[in-house]
Amino acid sequence: MHGLCRLSLVERTRPAPLLWRLQQLLEDGADPCAADDKGRTALHFASCNGNDHIVQLLLDHGADPNQRDGLGNTPLHLAACTNHVPVITTLLRGGARVDALDRAGRTPLHLAKSKLNILQEGFSHSLEAVRLEVKQIIQMLREYLDRLGRHEQKEQLDDLCSRLQMTSTKEQVDEVTDLLASFTSLSLQMQKMDNR
């Protein structure tokens, strides 16, 4: 595994010293786009682990936010799967493409929608946990719509977020989740039409 990738993996235990060490490596000429044998870069690892400071540092030093790993995943795909909203925001602002397809033909938004479907089917999640996950997906969609310049849809999303805040039962959260799933499907369809 490449040195920058190893550093990203241990960032959780010692964030400040690692950030300093990573900055030193990058300033000494380490390649921020270097990948391991599976095509994963330090940016992939940092995105998956939710390390937004590392993500920003790597982007500042030329890491490619659209570089794909062996499965065709960009760092945004990994951040979307794990709902790391600050990382998603950083990647989008750093030029990550929301329409990038992995080898299975899925965009980061498709992956977020899949996670939403899994949440709806699961019964082991507490109301607060489900509410938090839905809120994170709403935040990711908000960034996505902002990046596409779809301000009218962003207002609809804000309405869903307000409704989520007023929920007090799992059924009410499920109702908002269903609306969000429909909204996400509509956004994906509109994206396909725009790409034609």
N, C-alpha and C. Protein backbone atom coordinates (compact mmCIF):
# COMPACT_ATOMS: atom_id res chain seq x y z
N MET A 1 0.85 -1.18 0.00
CA MET A 1 0.00 0.00 0.00
C MET A 1 0.89 1.23 0.00
N HIS A 2 0.52 2.23 -0.77
CA HIS A 2 1.27 3.46 -0.90
C HIS A 2 1.28 4.20 0.43
N GLY A 3 2.35 4.95 0.71
CA GLY A 3 2.51 5.66 1.98
C GLY A 3 1.38 6.61 2.31
N LEU A 4 0.90 7.36 1.32
CA LEU A 4 -0.20 8.29 1.59
C LEU A 4 -1.47 7.55 1.96
N CYS A 5 -1.70 6.39 1.35
CA CYS A 5 -2.89 5.60 1.68
C CYS A 5 -2.80 5.09 3.11
N ARG A 6 -1.61 4.61 3.50
CA ARG A 6 -1.43 4.12 4.88
C ARG A 6 -1.67 5.25 5.87
N LEU A 7 -1.18 6.44 5.55
CA LEU A 7 -1.38 7.57 6.45
C LEU A 7 -2.86 7.89 6.62
N SER A 8 -3.62 7.82 5.55
CA SER A 8 -5.05 8.11 5.64
C SER A 8 -5.77 7.12 6.54
N LEU A 9 -5.32 5.87 6.53
CA LEU A 9 -5.96 4.85 7.34
C LEU A 9 -5.78 5.09 8.84
N VAL A 10 -4.63 5.63 9.23
CA VAL A 10 -4.38 5.83 10.66
C VAL A 10 -4.81 7.20 11.14
N GLU A 11 -5.39 8.02 10.30
CA GLU A 11 -5.77 9.37 10.65
C GLU A 11 -6.75 9.43 11.82
N ARG A 12 -7.59 8.44 11.96
CA ARG A 12 -8.60 8.46 13.03
C ARG A 12 -7.98 8.49 14.42
N THR A 13 -6.84 7.83 14.60
CA THR A 13 -6.26 7.73 15.93
C THR A 13 -5.40 8.94 16.29
N ARG A 14 -4.78 9.57 15.30
CA ARG A 14 -3.92 10.72 15.58
C ARG A 14 -4.09 11.77 14.48
N PRO A 15 -5.24 12.47 14.46
CA PRO A 15 -5.52 13.36 13.34
C PRO A 15 -4.54 14.52 13.17
N ALA A 16 -4.20 15.24 14.23
CA ALA A 16 -3.36 16.42 14.08
C ALA A 16 -1.95 16.07 13.60
N PRO A 17 -1.26 15.12 14.26
CA PRO A 17 0.09 14.78 13.76
C PRO A 17 0.06 14.22 12.34
N LEU A 18 -0.97 13.48 12.03
CA LEU A 18 -1.05 12.91 10.69
C LEU A 18 -1.26 14.00 9.65
N LEU A 19 -2.10 14.95 9.95
CA LEU A 19 -2.34 16.05 9.02
C LEU A 19 -1.03 16.78 8.74
N TRP A 20 -0.27 17.03 9.78
CA TRP A 20 1.03 17.70 9.63
C TRP A 20 1.97 16.84 8.81
N ARG A 21 2.03 15.54 9.12
CA ARG A 21 2.92 14.62 8.39
C ARG A 21 2.51 14.51 6.92
N LEU A 22 1.23 14.43 6.66
CA LEU A 22 0.75 14.35 5.29
C LEU A 22 1.11 15.63 4.53
N GLN A 23 0.94 16.76 5.18
CA GLN A 23 1.30 18.02 4.54
C GLN A 23 2.79 18.04 4.20
N GLN A 24 3.61 17.54 5.10
CA GLN A 24 5.06 17.48 4.84
C GLN A 24 5.36 16.60 3.63
N LEU A 25 4.73 15.42 3.58
CA LEU A 25 4.94 14.51 2.45
C LEU A 25 4.53 15.16 1.13
N LEU A 26 3.40 15.82 1.13
CA LEU A 26 2.92 16.46 -0.08
C LEU A 26 3.84 17.61 -0.50
N GLU A 27 4.31 18.38 0.47
CA GLU A 27 5.23 19.48 0.16
C GLU A 27 6.58 18.97 -0.32
N ASP A 28 6.93 17.75 0.11
CA ASP A 28 8.19 17.14 -0.34
C ASP A 28 8.04 16.44 -1.69
N GLY A 29 6.85 16.53 -2.28
CA GLY A 29 6.67 16.00 -3.63
C GLY A 29 5.93 14.69 -3.75
N ALA A 30 5.34 14.18 -2.67
CA ALA A 30 4.56 12.94 -2.77
C ALA A 30 3.39 13.16 -3.73
N ASP A 31 3.10 12.15 -4.52
CA ASP A 31 2.03 12.24 -5.51
C ASP A 31 0.67 12.03 -4.84
N PRO A 32 -0.20 13.06 -4.81
CA PRO A 32 -1.50 12.90 -4.16
C PRO A 32 -2.44 11.98 -4.93
N CYS A 33 -2.08 11.62 -6.16
CA CYS A 33 -2.92 10.73 -6.97
C CYS A 33 -2.39 9.30 -7.01
N ALA A 34 -1.32 9.03 -6.25
CA ALA A 34 -0.76 7.67 -6.22
C ALA A 34 -1.80 6.70 -5.67
N ALA A 35 -1.87 5.52 -6.29
CA ALA A 35 -2.89 4.54 -5.92
C ALA A 35 -2.25 3.21 -5.50
N ASP A 36 -3.00 2.44 -4.72
CA ASP A 36 -2.55 1.10 -4.35
C ASP A 36 -2.91 0.13 -5.48
N ASP A 37 -2.71 -1.16 -5.25
CA ASP A 37 -2.95 -2.15 -6.30
C ASP A 37 -4.42 -2.29 -6.68
N LYS A 38 -5.33 -1.69 -5.90
CA LYS A 38 -6.77 -1.73 -6.22
C LYS A 38 -7.25 -0.39 -6.77
N GLY A 39 -6.30 0.48 -7.04
CA GLY A 39 -6.63 1.78 -7.61
C GLY A 39 -7.11 2.81 -6.60
N ARG A 40 -7.01 2.49 -5.32
CA ARG A 40 -7.47 3.41 -4.28
C ARG A 40 -6.36 4.39 -3.92
N THR A 41 -6.75 5.64 -3.83
CA THR A 41 -5.82 6.70 -3.46
C THR A 41 -6.06 7.12 -2.01
N ALA A 42 -5.18 7.97 -1.52
CA ALA A 42 -5.38 8.52 -0.17
C ALA A 42 -6.72 9.26 -0.11
N LEU A 43 -7.11 9.89 -1.22
CA LEU A 43 -8.38 10.60 -1.25
C LEU A 43 -9.56 9.64 -1.13
N HIS A 44 -9.46 8.46 -1.73
CA HIS A 44 -10.51 7.45 -1.57
C HIS A 44 -10.64 7.05 -0.09
N PHE A 45 -9.49 6.76 0.55
CA PHE A 45 -9.52 6.34 1.95
C PHE A 45 -10.05 7.45 2.86
N ALA A 46 -9.56 8.66 2.65
CA ALA A 46 -9.98 9.78 3.50
C ALA A 46 -11.47 10.06 3.32
N SER A 47 -11.97 9.93 2.09
CA SER A 47 -13.39 10.17 1.82
C SER A 47 -14.26 9.12 2.48
N CYS A 48 -13.84 7.88 2.39
CA CYS A 48 -14.59 6.78 2.99
C CYS A 48 -14.62 6.88 4.51
N ASN A 49 -13.52 7.36 5.09
CA ASN A 49 -13.41 7.45 6.54
C ASN A 49 -13.95 8.76 7.11
N GLY A 50 -14.37 9.68 6.25
CA GLY A 50 -14.95 10.93 6.73
C GLY A 50 -13.94 11.94 7.21
N ASN A 51 -12.73 11.89 6.69
CA ASN A 51 -11.66 12.80 7.12
C ASN A 51 -11.62 14.04 6.24
N ASP A 52 -12.55 14.98 6.52
CA ASP A 52 -12.68 16.14 5.63
C ASP A 52 -11.44 17.03 5.60
N HIS A 53 -10.68 17.12 6.69
CA HIS A 53 -9.46 17.93 6.68
C HIS A 53 -8.41 17.32 5.76
N ILE A 54 -8.30 16.00 5.80
CA ILE A 54 -7.35 15.29 4.92
C ILE A 54 -7.81 15.44 3.47
N VAL A 55 -9.12 15.30 3.23
CA VAL A 55 -9.67 15.45 1.88
C VAL A 55 -9.30 16.83 1.33
N GLN A 56 -9.52 17.88 2.12
CA GLN A 56 -9.21 19.23 1.66
C GLN A 56 -7.72 19.40 1.39
N LEU A 57 -6.88 18.87 2.27
CA LEU A 57 -5.43 18.97 2.08
C LEU A 57 -5.01 18.28 0.78
N LEU A 58 -5.53 17.09 0.55
CA LEU A 58 -5.19 16.37 -0.68
C LEU A 58 -5.66 17.11 -1.92
N LEU A 59 -6.88 17.66 -1.88
CA LEU A 59 -7.39 18.43 -3.01
C LEU A 59 -6.53 19.68 -3.24
N ASP A 60 -6.13 20.33 -2.16
CA ASP A 60 -5.28 21.52 -2.27
C ASP A 60 -3.94 21.21 -2.93
N HIS A 61 -3.50 19.96 -2.82
CA HIS A 61 -2.22 19.56 -3.40
C HIS A 61 -2.37 18.80 -4.71
N GLY A 62 -3.56 18.88 -5.31
CA GLY A 62 -3.72 18.34 -6.65
C GLY A 62 -4.33 16.96 -6.78
N ALA A 63 -4.87 16.41 -5.68
CA ALA A 63 -5.54 15.11 -5.80
C ALA A 63 -6.74 15.25 -6.73
N ASP A 64 -6.97 14.24 -7.52
CA ASP A 64 -8.07 14.25 -8.50
C ASP A 64 -9.35 13.74 -7.83
N PRO A 65 -10.37 14.61 -7.66
CA PRO A 65 -11.60 14.17 -6.99
C PRO A 65 -12.42 13.20 -7.83
N ASN A 66 -12.03 13.01 -9.09
CA ASN A 66 -12.77 12.12 -9.99
C ASN A 66 -11.98 10.86 -10.36
N GLN A 67 -10.84 10.64 -9.69
CA GLN A 67 -10.04 9.45 -9.96
C GLN A 67 -10.81 8.21 -9.49
N ARG A 68 -10.84 7.20 -10.32
CA ARG A 68 -11.60 5.99 -10.03
C ARG A 68 -10.70 4.89 -9.49
N ASP A 69 -11.27 4.10 -8.59
CA ASP A 69 -10.55 2.92 -8.11
C ASP A 69 -10.86 1.75 -9.05
N GLY A 70 -10.43 0.56 -8.70
CA GLY A 70 -10.62 -0.61 -9.55
C GLY A 70 -12.07 -0.97 -9.81
N LEU A 71 -12.97 -0.52 -8.96
CA LEU A 71 -14.40 -0.79 -9.14
C LEU A 71 -15.12 0.38 -9.81
N GLY A 72 -14.35 1.39 -10.18
CA GLY A 72 -14.94 2.56 -10.82
C GLY A 72 -15.47 3.59 -9.85
N ASN A 73 -15.22 3.40 -8.55
CA ASN A 73 -15.70 4.36 -7.55
C ASN A 73 -14.80 5.58 -7.49
N THR A 74 -15.43 6.73 -7.45
CA THR A 74 -14.70 7.96 -7.17
C THR A 74 -14.75 8.18 -5.66
N PRO A 75 -13.96 9.09 -5.14
CA PRO A 75 -14.08 9.39 -3.71
C PRO A 75 -15.50 9.82 -3.32
N LEU A 76 -16.22 10.49 -4.23
CA LEU A 76 -17.59 10.90 -3.93
C LEU A 76 -18.52 9.69 -3.78
N HIS A 77 -18.32 8.65 -4.57
CA HIS A 77 -19.11 7.42 -4.40
C HIS A 77 -18.94 6.89 -2.97
N LEU A 78 -17.69 6.86 -2.51
CA LEU A 78 -17.41 6.30 -1.18
C LEU A 78 -17.98 7.19 -0.07
N ALA A 79 -17.85 8.48 -0.24
CA ALA A 79 -18.41 9.40 0.77
C ALA A 79 -19.93 9.30 0.79
N ALA A 80 -20.56 9.12 -0.38
CA ALA A 80 -22.02 9.00 -0.44
C ALA A 80 -22.49 7.72 0.25
N CYS A 81 -21.74 6.64 0.08
CA CYS A 81 -22.10 5.36 0.72
C CYS A 81 -22.06 5.46 2.24
N THR A 82 -21.15 6.27 2.74
CA THR A 82 -20.94 6.35 4.18
C THR A 82 -21.55 7.61 4.79
N ASN A 83 -22.21 8.42 3.95
CA ASN A 83 -22.91 9.63 4.41
C ASN A 83 -22.02 10.62 5.17
N HIS A 84 -20.82 10.81 4.70
CA HIS A 84 -19.94 11.81 5.32
C HIS A 84 -20.19 13.14 4.64
N VAL A 85 -21.19 13.88 5.14
CA VAL A 85 -21.65 15.10 4.48
C VAL A 85 -20.55 16.16 4.36
N PRO A 86 -19.73 16.41 5.40
CA PRO A 86 -18.67 17.41 5.22
C PRO A 86 -17.69 17.01 4.09
N VAL A 87 -17.41 15.72 3.97
CA VAL A 87 -16.53 15.25 2.91
C VAL A 87 -17.22 15.43 1.55
N ILE A 88 -18.49 15.10 1.49
CA ILE A 88 -19.25 15.27 0.24
C ILE A 88 -19.21 16.73 -0.19
N THR A 89 -19.43 17.62 0.74
CA THR A 89 -19.40 19.05 0.46
C THR A 89 -18.03 19.46 -0.06
N THR A 90 -16.98 19.02 0.61
CA THR A 90 -15.61 19.36 0.21
C THR A 90 -15.31 18.82 -1.19
N LEU A 91 -15.69 17.57 -1.44
CA LEU A 91 -15.44 16.98 -2.76
C LEU A 91 -16.20 17.71 -3.86
N LEU A 92 -17.47 18.02 -3.62
CA LEU A 92 -18.25 18.73 -4.63
C LEU A 92 -17.65 20.11 -4.93
N ARG A 93 -17.25 20.79 -3.88
CA ARG A 93 -16.63 22.12 -4.07
C ARG A 93 -15.26 22.00 -4.73
N GLY A 94 -14.64 20.82 -4.59
CA GLY A 94 -13.33 20.56 -5.20
C GLY A 94 -13.41 20.04 -6.63
N GLY A 95 -14.62 19.96 -7.17
CA GLY A 95 -14.77 19.57 -8.57
C GLY A 95 -15.22 18.14 -8.82
N ALA A 96 -15.64 17.42 -7.78
CA ALA A 96 -16.12 16.05 -7.97
C ALA A 96 -17.37 16.06 -8.83
N ARG A 97 -17.46 15.11 -9.72
CA ARG A 97 -18.61 15.02 -10.63
C ARG A 97 -19.71 14.20 -9.98
N VAL A 98 -20.89 14.79 -9.91
CA VAL A 98 -22.03 14.09 -9.32
C VAL A 98 -22.62 13.06 -10.27
N ASP A 99 -22.24 13.15 -11.54
CA ASP A 99 -22.77 12.22 -12.54
C ASP A 99 -21.81 11.10 -12.89
N ALA A 100 -20.71 10.97 -12.13
CA ALA A 100 -19.73 9.90 -12.39
C ALA A 100 -20.37 8.54 -12.13
N LEU A 101 -20.15 7.63 -13.05
CA LEU A 101 -20.70 6.27 -12.93
C LEU A 101 -19.62 5.30 -12.48
N ASP A 102 -19.98 4.39 -11.56
CA ASP A 102 -19.06 3.31 -11.21
C ASP A 102 -19.24 2.19 -12.25
N ARG A 103 -18.53 1.10 -12.07
CA ARG A 103 -18.61 0.02 -13.07
C ARG A 103 -19.99 -0.62 -13.15
N ALA A 104 -20.80 -0.45 -12.11
CA ALA A 104 -22.17 -0.98 -12.12
C ALA A 104 -23.15 0.04 -12.68
N GLY A 105 -22.66 1.20 -13.11
CA GLY A 105 -23.52 2.21 -13.70
C GLY A 105 -24.25 3.09 -12.70
N ARG A 106 -23.73 3.18 -11.47
CA ARG A 106 -24.38 3.97 -10.42
C ARG A 106 -23.63 5.27 -10.17
N THR A 107 -24.40 6.33 -9.94
CA THR A 107 -23.82 7.61 -9.54
C THR A 107 -23.77 7.64 -8.00
N PRO A 108 -23.07 8.61 -7.42
CA PRO A 108 -23.10 8.75 -5.96
C PRO A 108 -24.52 8.92 -5.42
N LEU A 109 -25.37 9.60 -6.18
CA LEU A 109 -26.76 9.77 -5.74
C LEU A 109 -27.51 8.44 -5.72
N HIS A 110 -27.24 7.58 -6.69
CA HIS A 110 -27.85 6.24 -6.68
C HIS A 110 -27.47 5.50 -5.38
N LEU A 111 -26.21 5.62 -4.98
CA LEU A 111 -25.76 4.92 -3.78
C LEU A 111 -26.44 5.47 -2.53
N ALA A 112 -26.62 6.79 -2.47
CA ALA A 112 -27.32 7.38 -1.33
C ALA A 112 -28.77 6.90 -1.30
N LYS A 113 -29.39 6.80 -2.47
CA LYS A 113 -30.77 6.31 -2.55
C LYS A 113 -30.85 4.86 -2.09
N SER A 114 -29.87 4.05 -2.47
CA SER A 114 -29.85 2.65 -2.02
C SER A 114 -29.77 2.57 -0.51
N LYS A 115 -28.95 3.42 0.07
CA LYS A 115 -28.83 3.42 1.53
C LYS A 115 -30.15 3.82 2.16
N LEU A 116 -30.85 4.75 1.55
CA LEU A 116 -32.15 5.17 2.04
C LEU A 116 -33.14 4.00 1.99
N ASN A 117 -33.12 3.23 0.91
CA ASN A 117 -33.99 2.07 0.79
C ASN A 117 -33.69 1.04 1.88
N ILE A 118 -32.42 0.82 2.16
CA ILE A 118 -32.03 -0.13 3.21
C ILE A 118 -32.54 0.35 4.56
N LEU A 119 -32.43 1.66 4.82
CA LEU A 119 -32.93 2.22 6.08
C LEU A 119 -34.42 1.99 6.23
N GLN A 120 -35.15 2.18 5.15
CA GLN A 120 -36.60 2.00 5.22
C GLN A 120 -36.97 0.56 5.53
N GLU A 121 -36.19 -0.39 5.05
CA GLU A 121 -36.49 -1.80 5.26
C GLU A 121 -36.04 -2.31 6.62
N GLY A 122 -35.08 -1.61 7.23
CA GLY A 122 -34.53 -2.06 8.51
C GLY A 122 -35.42 -1.71 9.67
N PHE A 123 -35.52 -2.62 10.61
CA PHE A 123 -36.35 -2.39 11.78
C PHE A 123 -35.51 -2.20 13.05
N SER A 124 -34.21 -2.40 12.93
CA SER A 124 -33.37 -2.35 14.12
C SER A 124 -32.88 -0.94 14.44
N HIS A 125 -33.17 0.03 13.56
CA HIS A 125 -32.67 1.38 13.79
C HIS A 125 -33.61 2.14 14.72
N SER A 126 -33.03 2.91 15.63
CA SER A 126 -33.85 3.76 16.48
C SER A 126 -34.37 4.94 15.66
N LEU A 127 -35.40 5.56 16.14
CA LEU A 127 -36.00 6.71 15.46
C LEU A 127 -34.95 7.80 15.24
N GLU A 128 -34.16 8.07 16.25
CA GLU A 128 -33.15 9.13 16.15
C GLU A 128 -32.08 8.77 15.12
N ALA A 129 -31.68 7.51 15.05
CA ALA A 129 -30.67 7.09 14.08
C ALA A 129 -31.20 7.23 12.65
N VAL A 130 -32.43 6.83 12.43
CA VAL A 130 -33.03 6.95 11.10
C VAL A 130 -33.18 8.42 10.73
N ARG A 131 -33.64 9.22 11.68
CA ARG A 131 -33.80 10.66 11.43
C ARG A 131 -32.45 11.28 11.05
N LEU A 132 -31.39 10.92 11.75
CA LEU A 132 -30.07 11.46 11.46
C LEU A 132 -29.60 11.05 10.06
N GLU A 133 -29.79 9.78 9.70
CA GLU A 133 -29.40 9.31 8.37
C GLU A 133 -30.16 10.05 7.27
N VAL A 134 -31.47 10.22 7.48
CA VAL A 134 -32.29 10.93 6.48
C VAL A 134 -31.81 12.37 6.37
N LYS A 135 -31.50 12.99 7.50
CA LYS A 135 -31.02 14.37 7.49
C LYS A 135 -29.70 14.48 6.73
N GLN A 136 -28.81 13.51 6.90
CA GLN A 136 -27.53 13.53 6.18
C GLN A 136 -27.74 13.37 4.68
N ILE A 137 -28.67 12.52 4.30
CA ILE A 137 -28.95 12.33 2.87
C ILE A 137 -29.55 13.62 2.29
N ILE A 138 -30.41 14.28 3.07
CA ILE A 138 -30.97 15.56 2.62
C ILE A 138 -29.85 16.58 2.42
N GLN A 139 -28.90 16.62 3.35
CA GLN A 139 -27.78 17.56 3.21
C GLN A 139 -26.96 17.24 1.96
N MET A 140 -26.74 15.97 1.69
CA MET A 140 -25.98 15.60 0.50
C MET A 140 -26.73 16.02 -0.75
N LEU A 141 -28.04 15.76 -0.78
CA LEU A 141 -28.85 16.16 -1.93
C LEU A 141 -28.85 17.68 -2.10
N ARG A 142 -28.86 18.38 -1.00
CA ARG A 142 -28.83 19.85 -1.05
C ARG A 142 -27.55 20.32 -1.75
N GLU A 143 -26.42 19.74 -1.39
CA GLU A 143 -25.15 20.08 -2.05
C GLU A 143 -25.19 19.72 -3.52
N TYR A 144 -25.74 18.56 -3.81
CA TYR A 144 -25.85 18.08 -5.19
C TYR A 144 -26.68 19.05 -6.03
N LEU A 145 -27.84 19.45 -5.51
CA LEU A 145 -28.72 20.36 -6.25
C LEU A 145 -28.10 21.74 -6.39
N ASP A 146 -27.38 22.17 -5.37
CA ASP A 146 -26.70 23.45 -5.43
C ASP A 146 -25.66 23.42 -6.55
N ARG A 147 -24.94 22.31 -6.63
CA ARG A 147 -23.91 22.15 -7.68
C ARG A 147 -24.53 22.17 -9.07
N LEU A 148 -25.74 21.63 -9.21
CA LEU A 148 -26.42 21.61 -10.50
C LEU A 148 -27.18 22.91 -10.79
N GLY A 149 -27.27 23.78 -9.79
CA GLY A 149 -28.00 25.03 -9.97
C GLY A 149 -29.51 24.86 -9.93
N ARG A 150 -29.98 23.82 -9.27
CA ARG A 150 -31.43 23.55 -9.20
C ARG A 150 -31.99 24.11 -7.88
N HIS A 151 -32.18 25.41 -7.85
CA HIS A 151 -32.58 26.08 -6.62
C HIS A 151 -34.04 25.81 -6.25
N GLU A 152 -34.91 25.62 -7.24
CA GLU A 152 -36.31 25.32 -6.97
C GLU A 152 -36.44 23.97 -6.25
N GLN A 153 -35.70 22.98 -6.74
CA GLN A 153 -35.72 21.67 -6.08
C GLN A 153 -35.09 21.75 -4.69
N LYS A 154 -34.12 22.61 -4.53
CA LYS A 154 -33.48 22.78 -3.23
C LYS A 154 -34.49 23.28 -2.21
N GLU A 155 -35.40 24.15 -2.63
CA GLU A 155 -36.46 24.64 -1.73
C GLU A 155 -37.39 23.50 -1.32
N GLN A 156 -37.70 22.60 -2.25
CA GLN A 156 -38.53 21.44 -1.93
C GLN A 156 -37.82 20.55 -0.90
N LEU A 157 -36.53 20.44 -1.06
CA LEU A 157 -35.74 19.64 -0.12
C LEU A 157 -35.73 20.29 1.26
N ASP A 158 -35.65 21.62 1.30
CA ASP A 158 -35.71 22.33 2.58
C ASP A 158 -37.04 22.07 3.28
N ASP A 159 -38.12 21.99 2.49
CA ASP A 159 -39.44 21.68 3.05
C ASP A 159 -39.43 20.28 3.67
N LEU A 160 -38.81 19.31 2.98
CA LEU A 160 -38.71 17.95 3.54
C LEU A 160 -37.92 17.96 4.85
N CYS A 161 -36.86 18.75 4.88
CA CYS A 161 -36.05 18.83 6.09
C CYS A 161 -36.86 19.41 7.25
N SER A 162 -37.68 20.42 6.96
CA SER A 162 -38.55 21.00 8.00
C SER A 162 -39.55 19.96 8.51
N ARG A 163 -40.11 19.20 7.59
CA ARG A 163 -41.06 18.15 7.98
C ARG A 163 -40.37 17.10 8.85
N LEU A 164 -39.13 16.79 8.49
CA LEU A 164 -38.38 15.80 9.27
C LEU A 164 -38.19 16.28 10.71
N GLN A 165 -37.92 17.57 10.89
CA GLN A 165 -37.71 18.13 12.22
C GLN A 165 -38.94 17.98 13.12
N MET A 166 -40.12 17.94 12.48
CA MET A 166 -41.37 17.89 13.26
C MET A 166 -41.84 16.45 13.53
N THR A 167 -41.10 15.46 13.06
CA THR A 167 -41.52 14.08 13.25
C THR A 167 -41.29 13.63 14.69
N SER A 168 -42.20 12.77 15.16
CA SER A 168 -42.03 12.23 16.51
C SER A 168 -42.24 10.72 16.55
N THR A 169 -42.65 10.14 15.42
CA THR A 169 -42.83 8.69 15.37
C THR A 169 -42.09 8.12 14.17
N LYS A 170 -41.84 6.82 14.22
CA LYS A 170 -41.16 6.15 13.10
C LYS A 170 -42.01 6.25 11.84
N GLU A 171 -43.31 6.18 11.98
CA GLU A 171 -44.20 6.27 10.82
C GLU A 171 -44.07 7.63 10.13
N GLN A 172 -43.95 8.69 10.93
CA GLN A 172 -43.78 10.02 10.35
C GLN A 172 -42.43 10.14 9.64
N VAL A 173 -41.38 9.58 10.25
CA VAL A 173 -40.06 9.60 9.62
C VAL A 173 -40.10 8.79 8.33
N ASP A 174 -40.79 7.63 8.38
CA ASP A 174 -40.92 6.81 7.16
C ASP A 174 -41.64 7.57 6.05
N GLU A 175 -42.64 8.38 6.43
CA GLU A 175 -43.37 9.17 5.43
C GLU A 175 -42.43 10.18 4.76
N VAL A 176 -41.61 10.86 5.56
CA VAL A 176 -40.63 11.81 5.00
C VAL A 176 -39.60 11.05 4.17
N THR A 177 -39.19 9.88 4.63
CA THR A 177 -38.23 9.07 3.90
C THR A 177 -38.79 8.65 2.55
N ASP A 178 -40.07 8.27 2.52
CA ASP A 178 -40.72 7.92 1.25
C ASP A 178 -40.73 9.11 0.30
N LEU A 179 -41.05 10.29 0.82
CA LEU A 179 -41.04 11.50 -0.01
C LEU A 179 -39.63 11.78 -0.53
N LEU A 180 -38.64 11.59 0.34
CA LEU A 180 -37.25 11.81 -0.07
C LEU A 180 -36.84 10.81 -1.14
N ALA A 181 -37.26 9.55 -0.99
CA ALA A 181 -36.95 8.54 -2.00
C ALA A 181 -37.56 8.91 -3.35
N SER A 182 -38.79 9.40 -3.33
CA SER A 182 -39.45 9.85 -4.56
C SER A 182 -38.71 11.05 -5.15
N PHE A 183 -38.33 11.97 -4.30
CA PHE A 183 -37.60 13.16 -4.73
C PHE A 183 -36.26 12.75 -5.36
N THR A 184 -35.57 11.81 -4.73
CA THR A 184 -34.28 11.34 -5.24
C THR A 184 -34.46 10.67 -6.59
N SER A 185 -35.49 9.85 -6.72
CA SER A 185 -35.76 9.20 -8.01
C SER A 185 -36.02 10.23 -9.10
N LEU A 186 -36.79 11.26 -8.76
CA LEU A 186 -37.07 12.31 -9.73
C LEU A 186 -35.78 13.04 -10.11
N SER A 187 -34.92 13.32 -9.15
CA SER A 187 -33.66 14.00 -9.44
C SER A 187 -32.79 13.15 -10.35
N LEU A 188 -32.77 11.84 -10.12
CA LEU A 188 -31.99 10.94 -10.98
C LEU A 188 -32.54 10.92 -12.40
N GLN A 189 -33.87 10.92 -12.53
CA GLN A 189 -34.48 10.93 -13.86
C GLN A 189 -34.17 12.24 -14.58
N MET A 190 -34.23 13.34 -13.86
CA MET A 190 -33.93 14.64 -14.47
C MET A 190 -32.47 14.71 -14.90
N GLN A 191 -31.59 14.11 -14.09
CA GLN A 191 -30.16 14.08 -14.43
C GLN A 191 -29.95 13.30 -15.72
N LYS A 192 -30.64 12.17 -15.87
CA LYS A 192 -30.52 11.37 -17.10
C LYS A 192 -31.00 12.15 -18.30
N MET A 193 -32.10 12.88 -18.14
CA MET A 193 -32.63 13.68 -19.25
C MET A 193 -31.66 14.80 -19.62
N ASP A 194 -31.04 15.42 -18.62
CA ASP A 194 -30.07 16.50 -18.89
C ASP A 194 -28.85 15.98 -19.61
N ASN A 195 -28.47 14.72 -19.34
CA ASN A 195 -27.27 14.15 -19.94
C ASN A 195 -27.48 13.75 -21.40
N ARG A 196 -28.72 13.71 -21.86
CA ARG A 196 -29.00 13.30 -23.25
C ARG A 196 -28.76 14.41 -24.23
